[in-house]
N, C-alpha and C. Protein backbone atom coordinates (compact mmCIF):
# COMPACT_ATOMS: atom_id res chain seq x y z
N UNK A 1 0.69 -1.33 -0.42
CA UNK A 1 0.18 0.03 0.17
C UNK A 1 0.71 1.15 -0.52
N UNK A 2 0.98 2.26 -1.15
CA UNK A 2 1.52 3.12 -1.47
C UNK A 2 0.77 4.17 0.12
N UNK A 3 1.55 4.59 -0.01
CA UNK A 3 0.92 6.34 1.01
C UNK A 3 1.80 7.63 0.55
N UNK A 4 1.03 8.48 0.40
CA UNK A 4 1.47 9.73 0.44
C UNK A 4 1.59 10.60 0.99
N UNK A 5 2.38 11.45 1.46
CA UNK A 5 2.52 11.85 2.23
C UNK A 5 1.49 13.60 1.50
N UNK A 6 0.71 14.04 2.52
CA UNK A 6 -0.14 15.72 2.09
C UNK A 6 -0.01 16.28 2.85
N UNK A 7 0.00 16.84 4.11
CA UNK A 7 0.50 17.29 4.75
C UNK A 7 1.71 16.85 6.53
N UNK A 8 2.26 17.91 6.51
CA UNK A 8 2.57 18.30 7.74
C UNK A 8 2.30 19.29 8.89
N UNK A 9 2.35 18.37 10.02
CA UNK A 9 1.76 18.95 11.19
C UNK A 9 3.13 19.41 12.61
N UNK A 10 2.49 20.54 13.02
CA UNK A 10 3.85 21.03 13.93
C UNK A 10 3.02 21.54 15.35
N UNK A 11 3.60 22.46 16.68
CA UNK A 11 3.08 22.63 17.56
C UNK A 11 4.21 23.58 17.94
N UNK A 12 3.52 24.40 18.88
CA UNK A 12 4.44 25.85 19.29
C UNK A 12 4.63 24.63 20.83
N UNK A 13 5.70 23.90 21.19
CA UNK A 13 5.73 24.15 22.84
C UNK A 13 5.25 25.13 24.11
N UNK A 14 5.50 26.55 23.33
CA UNK A 14 5.53 27.30 24.64
C UNK A 14 4.10 27.23 24.75
N UNK A 15 3.95 27.26 23.68
CA UNK A 15 1.59 27.47 23.57
C UNK A 15 1.31 26.25 24.00
N UNK A 16 1.45 25.25 25.04
CA UNK A 16 0.46 25.21 26.16
C UNK A 16 0.31 24.93 26.84
N UNK A 17 -0.96 24.77 26.79
CA UNK A 17 -1.99 25.51 28.55
C UNK A 17 -1.67 24.18 28.61
N UNK A 18 -1.86 24.11 30.24
CA UNK A 18 -1.76 23.12 31.73
C UNK A 18 -3.42 23.60 31.85
N UNK A 19 -4.36 23.17 32.09
CA UNK A 19 -5.68 23.87 32.93
C UNK A 19 -5.67 22.61 33.53
N UNK A 20 -5.30 21.60 33.89
CA UNK A 20 -5.19 20.93 35.58
C UNK A 20 -4.33 20.36 35.30
N UNK A 21 -4.16 18.88 36.35
CA UNK A 21 -2.88 18.48 35.91
C UNK A 21 -2.84 16.89 35.58
N UNK A 22 -3.82 17.02 34.50
CA UNK A 22 -3.95 15.77 33.62
C UNK A 22 -4.12 16.38 31.59
N UNK A 23 -4.54 17.80 31.63
CA UNK A 23 -5.72 17.60 31.14
C UNK A 23 -4.98 19.05 30.80
N UNK A 24 -4.24 19.38 28.65
CA UNK A 24 -3.48 20.27 28.26
C UNK A 24 -4.61 21.03 27.63
N UNK A 25 -4.05 22.03 26.72
CA UNK A 25 -4.96 22.77 25.46
C UNK A 25 -3.74 22.77 24.84
N UNK A 26 -3.84 22.93 22.99
CA UNK A 26 -3.22 22.71 22.62
C UNK A 26 -3.05 23.22 20.92
N UNK A 27 -2.69 24.47 20.25
CA UNK A 27 -2.44 24.87 18.28
C UNK A 27 -1.92 23.47 18.40
N UNK A 28 -2.31 23.45 17.31
CA UNK A 28 -1.93 21.91 16.25
C UNK A 28 -1.80 22.64 14.96
N UNK A 29 -0.05 23.30 14.41
CA UNK A 29 -0.82 23.31 12.45
C UNK A 29 -0.68 22.56 11.91
N UNK A 30 -1.20 22.41 10.68
CA UNK A 30 -1.26 21.11 9.70
C UNK A 30 -0.80 22.40 8.29
N UNK A 31 -0.39 21.56 7.77
CA UNK A 31 0.65 22.89 6.41
C UNK A 31 0.13 21.35 4.97
N UNK A 32 -0.74 22.21 4.44
CA UNK A 32 -1.16 21.13 3.59
C UNK A 32 -0.37 20.97 2.22
N UNK A 33 -0.02 19.93 1.62
CA UNK A 33 0.43 20.51 0.12
C UNK A 33 -0.75 20.60 -0.78
N UNK A 34 -0.33 20.53 -2.26
CA UNK A 34 -1.71 20.15 -3.01
C UNK A 34 -2.17 19.55 -3.15
N UNK A 35 -1.96 17.95 -2.62
CA UNK A 35 -2.35 17.04 -2.91
C UNK A 35 -3.93 17.00 -1.27
N UNK A 36 -2.95 17.75 -0.28
CA UNK A 36 -3.87 17.83 0.73
C UNK A 36 -4.76 18.46 0.76
N UNK A 37 -4.74 19.91 0.21
CA UNK A 37 -5.36 20.59 -0.69
C UNK A 37 -6.94 19.72 -1.40
N UNK A 38 -6.03 18.90 -2.62
CA UNK A 38 -6.98 18.62 -3.47
C UNK A 38 -8.22 17.88 -2.81
N UNK A 39 -7.69 17.00 -2.25
CA UNK A 39 -8.30 15.91 -0.42
C UNK A 39 -9.47 16.51 0.64
N UNK A 40 -8.74 17.20 1.22
CA UNK A 40 -10.26 18.46 1.36
C UNK A 40 -10.94 19.05 0.67
N UNK A 41 -10.83 19.20 -0.47
CA UNK A 41 -11.45 19.84 -1.21
C UNK A 41 -12.96 18.96 -1.38
N UNK A 42 -12.40 17.16 -1.72
CA UNK A 42 -12.86 16.41 -1.94
C UNK A 42 -13.90 16.13 -0.86
N UNK A 43 -13.77 16.20 0.06
CA UNK A 43 -13.70 15.62 0.71
C UNK A 43 -15.09 16.67 1.78
N UNK A 44 -14.60 18.17 1.69
CA UNK A 44 -15.99 18.85 2.87
C UNK A 44 -16.10 19.93 1.57
N UNK A 45 -16.02 20.42 0.04
CA UNK A 45 -15.91 21.31 -0.54
C UNK A 45 -15.05 21.90 -1.08
N UNK A 46 -15.90 23.35 -2.05
CA UNK A 46 -15.22 24.29 -2.77
C UNK A 46 -14.50 25.16 -2.36
N UNK A 47 -14.90 25.55 -1.04
CA UNK A 47 -14.77 26.86 -0.29
C UNK A 47 -13.29 26.21 0.75
N UNK A 48 -12.82 25.04 0.32
CA UNK A 48 -11.24 25.10 0.85
C UNK A 48 -11.09 24.28 -0.01
N UNK A 49 -11.08 25.30 -1.33
CA UNK A 49 -9.91 25.25 -2.71
C UNK A 49 -8.60 26.26 -2.19
N UNK A 50 -8.67 27.31 -1.39
CA UNK A 50 -7.31 28.05 -1.26
C UNK A 50 -6.91 27.76 0.57
N UNK A 51 -7.85 27.02 1.06
CA UNK A 51 -6.69 25.86 2.67
C UNK A 51 -5.40 25.51 2.12
N UNK A 52 -4.13 26.24 2.78
CA UNK A 52 -2.70 25.65 2.74
C UNK A 52 -3.09 25.45 3.75
N UNK A 53 -3.10 26.32 5.29
CA UNK A 53 -3.09 25.91 6.45
C UNK A 53 -4.13 25.99 8.03
N UNK A 54 -3.98 24.71 8.59
CA UNK A 54 -5.29 24.52 9.79
C UNK A 54 -4.95 24.77 11.03
N UNK A 55 -5.23 26.12 11.63
CA UNK A 55 -5.11 25.35 13.21
C UNK A 55 -5.96 24.74 13.81
N UNK A 56 -5.56 23.49 14.66
CA UNK A 56 -6.72 23.08 15.43
C UNK A 56 -6.41 22.94 16.77
N UNK A 57 -6.73 23.68 17.65
CA UNK A 57 -7.22 23.66 19.21
C UNK A 57 -7.92 22.49 19.81
N UNK A 58 -7.06 22.13 20.34
CA UNK A 58 -7.63 20.90 21.17
C UNK A 58 -7.18 20.63 22.17
N UNK A 59 -7.66 19.31 23.12
CA UNK A 59 -7.74 19.72 24.68
C UNK A 59 -7.37 18.04 24.49
N UNK A 60 -6.24 17.68 25.30
CA UNK A 60 -5.67 16.02 25.39
C UNK A 60 -5.83 15.89 26.88
N UNK A 61 -6.21 14.54 27.06
CA UNK A 61 -5.96 14.40 28.70
C UNK A 61 -5.54 12.86 28.67
N UNK A 62 -3.76 13.77 29.14
CA UNK A 62 -2.71 12.51 29.14
C UNK A 62 -2.52 11.45 30.18
N UNK A 63 -3.04 11.58 30.77
CA UNK A 63 -3.90 10.59 32.37
C UNK A 63 -4.75 9.48 30.87
N UNK A 64 -5.68 9.87 30.22
CA UNK A 64 -6.40 9.13 30.04
C UNK A 64 -6.29 8.67 28.04
N UNK A 65 -5.64 9.31 27.76
CA UNK A 65 -4.47 9.15 26.03
C UNK A 65 -5.72 9.35 24.99
N UNK A 66 -7.14 10.40 25.76
CA UNK A 66 -8.02 10.77 24.71
C UNK A 66 -7.50 12.20 24.07
N UNK A 67 -8.28 12.96 23.43
CA UNK A 67 -8.20 14.20 23.70
C UNK A 67 -9.78 14.66 22.43
N UNK A 68 -10.24 16.02 22.17
CA UNK A 68 -10.89 16.55 21.54
C UNK A 68 -11.19 17.87 21.45
N UNK A 69 -11.59 18.19 20.36
CA UNK A 69 -11.50 19.23 19.05
C UNK A 69 -11.88 20.32 19.97
N UNK A 70 -11.77 21.18 19.94
CA UNK A 70 -12.44 22.66 20.19
C UNK A 70 -12.82 23.37 19.14
N UNK A 71 -11.20 24.05 18.19
CA UNK A 71 -11.95 24.75 17.15
C UNK A 71 -11.13 24.58 15.99
N UNK A 72 -10.93 25.04 15.01
CA UNK A 72 -10.74 25.21 13.70
C UNK A 72 -10.34 25.92 12.98
N UNK A 73 -9.88 26.34 12.80
CA UNK A 73 -8.86 27.94 11.56
C UNK A 73 -8.68 27.60 10.43
N UNK A 74 -9.20 28.13 9.35
CA UNK A 74 -8.79 27.93 8.37
C UNK A 74 -7.96 28.75 7.20
N UNK A 75 -6.91 28.14 6.80
CA UNK A 75 -5.79 30.30 5.93
C UNK A 75 -5.71 29.34 5.34
N UNK A 76 -5.65 30.47 3.76
CA UNK A 76 -4.86 30.32 2.87
C UNK A 76 -4.20 31.39 2.79
N UNK A 77 -2.81 30.38 1.12
CA UNK A 77 -1.37 30.46 1.55
C UNK A 77 -1.27 32.11 1.65
N UNK A 78 -1.77 32.76 2.47
CA UNK A 78 -1.55 34.66 1.98
C UNK A 78 -1.58 34.88 3.65
N UNK A 79 -2.07 33.91 3.82
CA UNK A 79 -2.73 34.17 5.66
C UNK A 79 -4.18 34.71 6.01
N UNK A 80 -4.81 34.42 5.07
CA UNK A 80 -6.49 34.89 4.82
C UNK A 80 -7.15 34.35 5.43
N UNK A 81 -8.39 34.44 6.50
CA UNK A 81 -8.61 33.05 7.26
C UNK A 81 -9.73 32.91 6.19
N UNK A 82 -10.04 31.64 6.15
CA UNK A 82 -11.03 31.56 4.89
C UNK A 82 -12.69 31.31 5.70
N UNK A 83 -12.10 30.83 6.93
CA UNK A 83 -13.03 29.83 7.66
C UNK A 83 -13.24 29.75 8.94
N UNK A 84 -13.62 29.56 9.80
CA UNK A 84 -13.40 29.83 11.33
C UNK A 84 -14.65 28.88 12.31
N UNK A 85 -14.53 27.27 13.04
CA UNK A 85 -14.98 26.64 12.78
C UNK A 85 -15.03 26.56 14.90
N UNK A 86 -15.73 27.18 15.19
CA UNK A 86 -15.86 26.29 17.36
C UNK A 86 -16.34 24.35 16.91
N UNK A 87 -16.35 24.54 17.59
CA UNK A 87 -17.86 22.21 17.95
C UNK A 87 -17.80 22.62 19.87
N UNK A 88 -18.46 22.15 20.47
CA UNK A 88 -18.36 21.58 21.37
C UNK A 88 -18.33 20.59 22.02
N UNK A 89 -17.47 20.87 22.67
CA UNK A 89 -16.64 19.92 23.46
C UNK A 89 -17.51 18.31 23.96
N UNK A 90 -18.13 17.37 23.46
CA UNK A 90 -19.05 16.55 23.70
C UNK A 90 -19.06 15.49 25.05
N UNK A 91 -16.86 15.07 24.17
CA UNK A 91 -17.66 13.97 24.62
C UNK A 91 -16.07 13.31 24.37
N UNK A 92 -15.04 13.10 25.00
CA UNK A 92 -13.17 12.50 24.37
C UNK A 92 -13.18 11.31 23.51
N UNK A 93 -12.57 11.87 22.58
CA UNK A 93 -12.04 10.15 21.51
C UNK A 93 -10.65 9.99 21.87
N UNK A 94 -10.53 8.51 21.70
CA UNK A 94 -9.70 7.33 22.05
C UNK A 94 -8.08 8.27 20.54
N UNK A 95 -7.04 8.44 21.65
CA UNK A 95 -5.78 8.88 20.51
C UNK A 95 -5.41 7.59 19.72
N UNK A 96 -5.47 7.54 18.91
CA UNK A 96 -5.32 6.78 18.22
C UNK A 96 -3.98 6.34 17.26
N UNK A 97 -3.72 4.73 18.28
CA UNK A 97 -1.83 4.55 18.21
C UNK A 97 -1.17 5.02 16.21
N UNK A 98 -0.22 5.04 16.27
CA UNK A 98 0.50 5.41 15.05
C UNK A 98 -0.09 6.40 14.46
N UNK A 99 -1.47 7.46 14.91
CA UNK A 99 -1.47 8.30 14.10
C UNK A 99 -1.55 9.85 14.46
N UNK A 100 -1.47 11.01 13.98
CA UNK A 100 -0.84 12.58 13.78
C UNK A 100 -0.90 12.71 15.07
N UNK A 101 -2.20 12.49 15.69
CA UNK A 101 -2.63 12.67 17.14
C UNK A 101 -2.05 12.05 18.36
N UNK A 102 -1.35 11.19 18.18
CA UNK A 102 -0.48 10.16 19.14
C UNK A 102 0.81 10.68 19.01
N UNK A 103 1.81 11.19 18.01
CA UNK A 103 2.59 11.75 18.08
C UNK A 103 2.50 12.93 18.86
N UNK A 104 1.29 13.61 19.10
CA UNK A 104 1.11 15.75 19.45
C UNK A 104 1.26 14.69 20.98
N UNK A 105 0.17 13.94 20.64
CA UNK A 105 -0.03 13.07 22.41
C UNK A 105 1.77 13.15 23.00
N UNK A 106 1.90 12.55 22.67
CA UNK A 106 3.10 12.12 23.17
C UNK A 106 4.35 13.13 23.77
N UNK A 107 4.01 13.99 22.21
CA UNK A 107 4.74 15.54 22.63
C UNK A 107 4.47 15.86 23.13
N UNK A 108 3.75 16.09 23.85
CA UNK A 108 2.97 17.32 24.68
C UNK A 108 2.88 16.92 25.92
N UNK A 109 2.21 15.47 26.51
CA UNK A 109 2.57 15.27 27.28
C UNK A 109 3.51 14.72 28.34
N UNK A 110 4.32 14.28 27.71
CA UNK A 110 5.78 13.83 27.21
C UNK A 110 6.12 15.65 28.01
N UNK A 111 6.13 16.45 27.40
CA UNK A 111 6.43 18.27 27.52
C UNK A 111 5.63 18.04 29.72
N UNK A 112 5.18 17.81 29.35
CA UNK A 112 4.06 17.53 30.31
C UNK A 112 4.68 17.18 31.52
N UNK A 113 4.88 16.14 31.35
CA UNK A 113 5.59 15.35 32.70
C UNK A 113 6.92 15.80 33.58
N UNK A 114 7.35 16.94 32.53
CA UNK A 114 8.45 17.02 33.03
C UNK A 114 8.01 18.61 33.76
N UNK A 115 7.20 18.33 34.00
CA UNK A 115 7.13 20.27 34.77
C UNK A 115 6.36 20.23 36.27
N UNK A 116 7.08 20.62 36.75
CA UNK A 116 6.32 20.71 38.07
C UNK A 116 4.22 20.16 38.29
N UNK A 117 3.53 20.68 37.16
CA UNK A 117 2.16 20.82 37.42
C UNK A 117 2.00 19.18 37.35
N UNK A 118 2.35 18.47 36.22
CA UNK A 118 1.94 16.18 36.63
C UNK A 118 2.08 16.27 38.24
N UNK A 119 3.50 16.84 38.61
CA UNK A 119 3.73 16.06 40.64
C UNK A 119 2.13 15.88 41.40
């Protein structure tokens, strides 16, 4: 099975908010290549055809290995906001092993464990 890279993701370690002793809030930036934008348009519609970056705000339960999304902002290649979405975090979703969210989980929860608030 051939896999294609559609985007890369990153986060700002200094912008992680510790909400409690096991919950963190983090902004995750997804930078799309042309294939990623094409897939986004195919899945969500033509209003997303100029999207090049998506910033998603999520909360992660480090002890429970779960997360939920609070909102997303879609940006064009020149930084213009195309769309903002806010979500009510009704329930936590389990983080799927070896996913992008799993990588983010280990990054922010490992960082969290090294801070005094974790103890």
